[in-house]
Protein backbone atom coordinates (compact mmCIF):
# COMPACT_ATOMS: atom_id res chain seq x y z
CA MET A 1 -10.95 17.77 3.17
CA PRO A 2 -12.94 15.33 4.61
CA SER A 3 -12.06 13.02 8.42
CA GLU A 4 -10.72 9.65 8.03
CA ARG A 5 -13.46 8.97 10.62
CA ALA A 6 -16.12 10.40 7.44
CA VAL A 7 -14.38 8.40 4.60
CA LEU A 8 -15.19 5.96 6.31
CA GLY A 9 -17.44 6.09 7.22
CA TRP A 10 -19.56 6.42 3.80
CA ALA A 11 -16.92 3.31 2.59
CA ALA A 12 -19.21 1.02 5.37
CA THR A 13 -22.77 2.78 4.03
CA ARG A 14 -22.59 3.09 0.63
CA PRO A 15 -21.69 0.69 -1.70
CA ASP A 16 -20.75 3.09 -5.27
CA PHE A 17 -18.25 4.72 -2.64
CA ARG A 18 -16.65 1.87 -1.07
CA ASP A 19 -15.47 0.38 -5.08
CA GLN A 20 -14.37 3.79 -5.35
CA TYR A 21 -12.19 3.99 -2.27
CA ASP A 22 -11.17 0.22 -3.00
CA PHE A 23 -9.89 0.77 -6.31
CA ALA A 24 -8.03 3.94 -5.17
CA ARG A 25 -6.50 1.87 -2.20
CA ASP A 26 -5.20 -0.52 -4.73
CA MET A 27 -3.77 1.86 -7.32
CA GLY A 28 -1.71 3.20 -4.22
CA ARG A 29 -0.12 -0.03 -3.24
CA GLU A 30 -0.01 -0.42 -7.00
CA THR A 31 1.95 3.01 -6.81
CA ILE A 32 3.99 1.67 -3.98
CA GLY A 33 5.04 -1.15 -5.36
CA HIS A 34 6.63 1.10 -8.47
CA ASP A 35 8.38 2.93 -5.91
CA VAL A 36 10.09 0.48 -4.31
CA LEU A 37 11.15 -0.94 -8.09
CA ALA A 38 12.41 2.00 -9.20
CA ILE A 39 14.52 2.67 -6.02
CA ALA A 40 15.98 -1.07 -6.74
CA ASP A 41 16.84 -0.12 -10.11
CA GLY A 42 18.00 3.46 -9.94
CA PRO A 43 21.69 4.29 -9.71
CA LEU A 44 23.39 3.17 -6.33
CA THR A 45 26.45 6.25 -6.38
CA GLY A 46 28.27 7.27 -3.30
CA PRO A 47 29.93 4.55 -0.16
CA ASP A 48 26.21 4.96 1.14
CA ALA A 49 23.44 4.13 -1.48
CA VAL A 50 23.12 0.66 -1.03
CA LYS A 51 21.87 1.08 2.52
CA ASP A 52 20.08 3.98 1.93
CA ALA A 53 18.04 2.75 -1.08
CA ARG A 54 17.15 -0.73 1.56
CA ARG A 55 15.90 2.04 4.43
CA ARG A 56 13.72 3.50 1.52
CA ILE A 57 12.34 0.25 0.86
CA ASP A 58 12.15 -1.27 4.44
CA ALA A 59 9.98 1.98 4.71
CA LEU A 60 7.73 1.45 1.90
CA LYS A 61 7.31 -1.86 2.25
CA TRP A 62 6.24 -1.20 5.88
CA ARG A 63 3.65 1.06 4.27
CA PHE A 64 2.17 -1.02 2.13
CA ALA A 65 1.89 -3.98 4.43
CA GLN A 66 0.05 -1.41 7.06
CA MET A 67 -2.19 -0.83 3.72
CA THR A 68 -2.94 -4.51 2.98
CA PRO A 69 -6.42 -4.90 3.96
CA LYS A 70 -6.44 -8.41 6.78
CA ARG A 71 -8.44 -11.60 5.70
CA ARG A 72 -9.85 -13.45 7.93
CA GLY A 73 -12.39 -16.09 8.24
CA ARG A 74 -13.51 -19.12 6.06
CA ASN A 75 -11.48 -17.10 2.39
CA ARG A 76 -8.33 -16.30 4.82
CA GLN A 77 -6.62 -19.48 2.91
CA GLU A 78 -7.76 -18.22 -0.65
CA SER A 79 -6.39 -14.61 0.07
CA GLN A 80 -3.12 -15.64 0.84
CA LEU A 81 -1.77 -17.32 -2.67
């Protein structure tokens, strides 16, 4: 398994790899969205079910925020739409 540093180096220097990397990151974010919906729509049984679901969703939302690229510069406002 390559190191994170190696993968980021490839993404910075190889446009074909960067496209694949960006696609994989998009799919990871999409999967997190599906996971959040599955938890929210899932059965909530037991006295602590809502609290547990909220904790799991909050953790996924935090991870999603970490995976979302930070937009800076001229197109920052456009990327927030």
